[in-house]
PDB file of N, CA and C in Angstrom:
ATOM      1  N   UNK A   1       0.766  -1.307   0.134  1.00  0.00           N
ATOM      2  CA  UNK A   1      -0.289  -0.160  -0.085  1.00  0.00           C
ATOM      3  C   UNK A   1       0.936   1.019   0.113  1.00  0.00           C
ATOM      4  N   UNK A   2       1.773   1.126   0.839  1.00  0.00           N
ATOM      5  CA  UNK A   2       3.000   2.273   1.108  1.00  0.00           C
ATOM      6  C   UNK A   2       3.163   2.880  -0.686  1.00  0.00           C
ATOM      7  N   UNK A   3       3.835   1.939  -1.242  1.00  0.00           N
ATOM      8  CA  UNK A   3       4.795   1.775  -2.173  1.00  0.00           C
ATOM      9  C   UNK A   3       3.713   2.238  -3.463  1.00  0.00           C
ATOM     10  N   UNK A   4       2.767   1.732  -3.426  1.00  0.00           N
ATOM     11  CA  UNK A   4       1.677   2.318  -4.278  1.00  0.00           C
ATOM     12  C   UNK A   4       1.335   3.872  -4.007  1.00  0.00           C
ATOM     13  N   UNK A   5       1.203   4.366  -2.945  1.00  0.00           N
ATOM     14  CA  UNK A   5       0.919   5.746  -2.837  1.00  0.00           C
ATOM     15  C   UNK A   5       2.252   6.403  -2.780  1.00  0.00           C
ATOM     16  N   UNK A   6       3.603   5.779  -2.636  1.00  0.00           N
ATOM     17  CA  UNK A   6       4.660   6.324  -3.073  1.00  0.00           C
ATOM     18  C   UNK A   6       5.100   6.678  -4.704  1.00  0.00           C
ATOM     19  N   UNK A   7       4.301   5.632  -5.554  1.00  0.00           N
ATOM     20  CA  UNK A   7       4.590   5.663  -7.200  1.00  0.00           C
ATOM     21  C   UNK A   7       3.417   6.897  -7.451  1.00  0.00           C
ATOM     22  N   UNK A   8       2.643   7.140  -6.733  1.00  0.00           N
ATOM     23  CA  UNK A   8       1.368   7.681  -7.246  1.00  0.00           C
ATOM     24  C   UNK A   8       1.512   9.401  -6.953  1.00  0.00           C
ATOM     25  N   UNK A   9       2.734   9.650  -6.000  1.00  0.00           N
ATOM     26  CA  UNK A   9       2.692  11.061  -5.538  1.00  0.00           C
ATOM     27  C   UNK A   9       3.291  11.594  -7.047  1.00  0.00           C
ATOM     28  N   UNK A  10       3.706  12.656  -7.285  1.00  0.00           N
ATOM     29  CA  UNK A  10       3.978  13.382  -8.785  1.00  0.00           C
ATOM     30  C   UNK A  10       5.596  13.653  -8.309  1.00  0.00           C
ATOM     31  N   UNK A  11       6.226  14.288  -8.762  1.00  0.00           N
ATOM     32  CA  UNK A  11       7.668  14.478  -8.601  1.00  0.00           C
ATOM     33  C   UNK A  11       8.728  14.243  -8.056  1.00  0.00           C
ATOM     34  N   UNK A  12      10.322  14.569  -7.817  1.00  0.00           N
ATOM     35  CA  UNK A  12      11.108  13.929  -7.295  1.00  0.00           C
ATOM     36  C   UNK A  12      10.668  13.911  -5.773  1.00  0.00           C
ATOM     37  N   UNK A  13      11.492  12.911  -5.158  1.00  0.00           N
ATOM     38  CA  UNK A  13      11.730  12.571  -3.492  1.00  0.00           C
ATOM     39  C   UNK A  13      11.622  13.761  -2.642  1.00  0.00           C
ATOM     40  N   UNK A  14      12.247  15.075  -2.813  1.00  0.00           N
ATOM     41  CA  UNK A  14      11.773  15.961  -1.754  1.00  0.00           C
ATOM     42  C   UNK A  14      10.330  16.389  -2.197  1.00  0.00           C
ATOM     43  N   UNK A  15       9.651  16.461  -2.973  1.00  0.00           N
ATOM     44  CA  UNK A  15       8.430  17.128  -3.515  1.00  0.00           C
ATOM     45  C   UNK A  15       7.408  16.090  -2.705  1.00  0.00           C
ATOM     46  N   UNK A  16       7.872  14.518  -3.170  1.00  0.00           N
ATOM     47  CA  UNK A  16       6.735  13.581  -2.485  1.00  0.00           C
ATOM     48  C   UNK A  16       6.597  13.749  -0.830  1.00  0.00           C
ATOM     49  N   UNK A  17       8.151  13.673  -0.198  1.00  0.00           N
ATOM     50  CA  UNK A  17       8.542  13.938   1.122  1.00  0.00           C
ATOM     51  C   UNK A  17       7.769  15.291   1.575  1.00  0.00           C
ATOM     52  N   UNK A  18       7.720  16.368   0.826  1.00  0.00           N
ATOM     53  CA  UNK A  18       6.992  17.318   1.186  1.00  0.00           C
ATOM     54  C   UNK A  18       5.535  17.042   1.646  1.00  0.00           C
ATOM     55  N   UNK A  19       4.800  16.758   0.335  1.00  0.00           N
ATOM     56  CA  UNK A  19       3.272  16.080   0.377  1.00  0.00           C
ATOM     57  C   UNK A  19       2.944  15.262   1.294  1.00  0.00           C
ATOM     58  N   UNK A  20       3.627  14.315   1.702  1.00  0.00           N
ATOM     59  CA  UNK A  20       3.448  13.255   3.076  1.00  0.00           C
ATOM     60  C   UNK A  20       3.322  14.098   4.256  1.00  0.00           C
ATOM     61  N   UNK A  21       4.292  14.925   3.929  1.00  0.00           N
ATOM     62  CA  UNK A  21       4.268  15.796   5.695  1.00  0.00           C
ATOM     63  C   UNK A  21       2.977  16.769   5.489  1.00  0.00           C
ATOM     64  N   UNK A  22       2.956  17.335   4.629  1.00  0.00           N
ATOM     65  CA  UNK A  22       1.367  18.457   4.732  1.00  0.00           C
ATOM     66  C   UNK A  22       0.376  17.295   4.685  1.00  0.00           C
ATOM     67  N   UNK A  23       0.478  16.073   4.275  1.00  0.00           N
ATOM     68  CA  UNK A  23      -0.905  15.364   4.809  1.00  0.00           C
ATOM     69  C   UNK A  23      -1.144  14.559   5.810  1.00  0.00           C
ATOM     70  N   UNK A  24       0.145  14.339   6.398  1.00  0.00           N
ATOM     71  CA  UNK A  24      -0.288  13.861   7.563  1.00  0.00           C
ATOM     72  C   UNK A  24      -0.476  15.090   8.766  1.00  0.00           C
ATOM     73  N   UNK A  25      -0.189  16.499   8.361  1.00  0.00           N
ATOM     74  CA  UNK A  25      -0.155  17.522   9.475  1.00  0.00           C
ATOM     75  C   UNK A  25      -1.894  17.604   9.315  1.00  0.00           C
ATOM     76  N   UNK A  26      -2.303  17.666   8.294  1.00  0.00           N
ATOM     77  CA  UNK A  26      -3.701  17.783   8.037  1.00  0.00           C
ATOM     78  C   UNK A  26      -4.423  16.899   8.816  1.00  0.00           C
ATOM     79  N   UNK A  27      -4.484  15.661   8.583  1.00  0.00           N
ATOM     80  CA  UNK A  27      -4.653  14.405   9.296  1.00  0.00           C
ATOM     81  C   UNK A  27      -4.985  14.980  10.657  1.00  0.00           C
ATOM     82  N   UNK A  28      -3.514  15.056  11.670  1.00  0.00           N
ATOM     83  CA  UNK A  28      -3.379  15.502  12.612  1.00  0.00           C
ATOM     84  C   UNK A  28      -4.304  16.057  12.821  1.00  0.00           C
ATOM     85  N   UNK A  29      -4.406  17.434  12.590  1.00  0.00           N
ATOM     86  CA  UNK A  29      -5.170  18.656  12.633  1.00  0.00           C
ATOM     87  C   UNK A  29      -6.808  18.267  12.593  1.00  0.00           C
ATOM     88  N   UNK A  30      -6.952  17.583  11.909  1.00  0.00           N
ATOM     89  CA  UNK A  30      -8.559  17.266  11.485  1.00  0.00           C
ATOM     90  C   UNK A  30      -8.612  16.201  12.967  1.00  0.00           C
ATOM     91  N   UNK A  31      -7.752  15.871  13.266  1.00  0.00           N
ATOM     92  CA  UNK A  31      -8.080  14.510  14.354  1.00  0.00           C
ATOM     93  C   UNK A  31      -8.102  15.396  15.857  1.00  0.00           C
ATOM     94  N   UNK A  32      -7.098  16.390  15.938  1.00  0.00           N
ATOM     95  CA  UNK A  32      -7.475  16.931  17.077  1.00  0.00           C
ATOM     96  C   UNK A  32      -8.436  17.789  16.979  1.00  0.00           C
ATOM     97  N   UNK A  33      -8.946  18.663  15.982  1.00  0.00           N
ATOM     98  CA  UNK A  33      -9.697  19.863  16.006  1.00  0.00           C
ATOM     99  C   UNK A  33     -11.553  18.666  16.185  1.00  0.00           C
ATOM    100  N   UNK A  34     -11.765  17.681  15.241  1.00  0.00           N
ATOM    101  CA  UNK A  34     -12.899  17.839  15.030  1.00  0.00           C
ATOM    102  C   UNK A  34     -13.615  16.157  15.660  1.00  0.00           C
ATOM    103  N   UNK A  35     -12.363  15.165  15.784  1.00  0.00           N
ATOM    104  CA  UNK A  35     -12.550  13.945  15.857  1.00  0.00           C
ATOM    105  C   UNK A  35     -12.594  13.119  17.148  1.00  0.00           C
ATOM    106  N   UNK A  36     -11.711  13.493  18.149  1.00  0.00           N
ATOM    107  CA  UNK A  36     -11.132  13.878  19.329  1.00  0.00           C
ATOM    108  C   UNK A  36     -12.274  14.024  20.185  1.00  0.00           C
ATOM    109  N   UNK A  37     -12.715  15.582  19.965  1.00  0.00           N
ATOM    110  CA  UNK A  37     -13.301  15.978  20.769  1.00  0.00           C
ATOM    111  C   UNK A  37     -15.349  15.271  20.717  1.00  0.00           C
ATOM    112  N   UNK A  38     -15.278  15.053  19.109  1.00  0.00           N
ATOM    113  CA  UNK A  38     -16.367  13.766  19.364  1.00  0.00           C
ATOM    114  C   UNK A  38     -16.402  12.675  19.739  1.00  0.00           C
ATOM    115  N   UNK A  39     -15.560  11.490  19.843  1.00  0.00           N
ATOM    116  CA  UNK A  39     -15.410  10.798  20.486  1.00  0.00           C
ATOM    117  C   UNK A  39     -15.296  10.977  22.030  1.00  0.00           C
ATOM    118  N   UNK A  40     -14.997  11.620  22.681  1.00  0.00           N
ATOM    119  CA  UNK A  40     -14.739  12.340  24.255  1.00  0.00           C
ATOM    120  C   UNK A  40     -16.306  12.608  24.406  1.00  0.00           C
ATOM    121  N   UNK A  41     -17.126  13.135  23.674  1.00  0.00           N
ATOM    122  CA  UNK A  41     -18.226  13.507  24.354  1.00  0.00           C
ATOM    123  C   UNK A  41     -19.353  12.364  24.210  1.00  0.00           C
ATOM    124  N   UNK A  42     -19.007  10.978  22.948  1.00  0.00           N
ATOM    125  CA  UNK A  42     -19.536  10.128  23.449  1.00  0.00           C
ATOM    126  C   UNK A  42     -19.359   9.249  24.630  1.00  0.00           C
ATOM    127  N   UNK A  43     -18.214   9.144  24.929  1.00  0.00           N
ATOM    128  CA  UNK A  43     -17.390   8.857  26.156  1.00  0.00           C
ATOM    129  C   UNK A  43     -18.535   9.307  27.460  1.00  0.00           C
ATOM    130  N   UNK A  44     -18.516  10.113  27.404  1.00  0.00           N
ATOM    131  CA  UNK A  44     -19.075  11.202  29.155  1.00  0.00           C
ATOM    132  C   UNK A  44     -18.215  11.333  29.919  1.00  0.00           C
ATOM    133  N   UNK A  45     -18.290  11.773  30.869  1.00  0.00           N
ATOM    134  CA  UNK A  45     -17.531  12.207  32.078  1.00  0.00           C
ATOM    135  C   UNK A  45     -17.106  11.320  32.655  1.00  0.00           C
ATOM    136  N   UNK A  46     -15.360  11.049  32.874  1.00  0.00           N
ATOM    137  CA  UNK A  46     -14.832  10.193  33.288  1.00  0.00           C
ATOM    138  C   UNK A  46     -14.457  10.728  34.408  1.00  0.00           C
ATOM    139  N   UNK A  47     -14.615  10.769  35.843  1.00  0.00           N
ATOM    140  CA  UNK A  47     -14.371  11.022  36.945  1.00  0.00           C
ATOM    141  C   UNK A  47     -13.139  10.380  37.679  1.00  0.00           C
ATOM    142  N   UNK A  48     -11.871  11.451  37.928  1.00  0.00           N
ATOM    143  CA  UNK A  48     -10.756  11.110  38.187  1.00  0.00           C
ATOM    144  C   UNK A  48     -10.058  10.990  39.602  1.00  0.00           C
ATOM    145  N   UNK A  49     -11.079  11.615  40.784  1.00  0.00           N
ATOM    146  CA  UNK A  49     -10.219  11.832  41.724  1.00  0.00           C
ATOM    147  C   UNK A  49     -10.373  10.514  42.686  1.00  0.00           C
ATOM    148  N   UNK A  50      -9.793  10.596  43.376  1.00  0.00           N
ATOM    149  CA  UNK A  50      -9.341   9.189  44.237  1.00  0.00           C
ATOM    150  C   UNK A  50      -9.483   9.994  45.754  1.00  0.00           C
ATOM    151  N   UNK A  51     -10.780   9.032  46.417  1.00  0.00           N
ATOM    152  CA  UNK A  51     -10.878   9.465  48.076  1.00  0.00           C
ATOM    153  C   UNK A  51     -11.996  10.095  48.114  1.00  0.00           C
ATOM    154  N   UNK A  52     -12.170  10.609  49.454  1.00  0.00           N
ATOM    155  CA  UNK A  52     -13.832  11.360  49.446  1.00  0.00           C
ATOM    156  C   UNK A  52     -14.946  11.212  48.667  1.00  0.00           C
TER     157      UNK A  52
END
């Protein structure tokens, strides 16, 4: 799968690496901004206090 993705990307090696870094940054941004908060709202409140 990774080899197929590498062959599909255009340009020389440094352009491919740049494209992959930008794609990973976009994916992480989407996860942190929308996906993780949505999953957190589904899980409900997690009480973490010990004691009283």
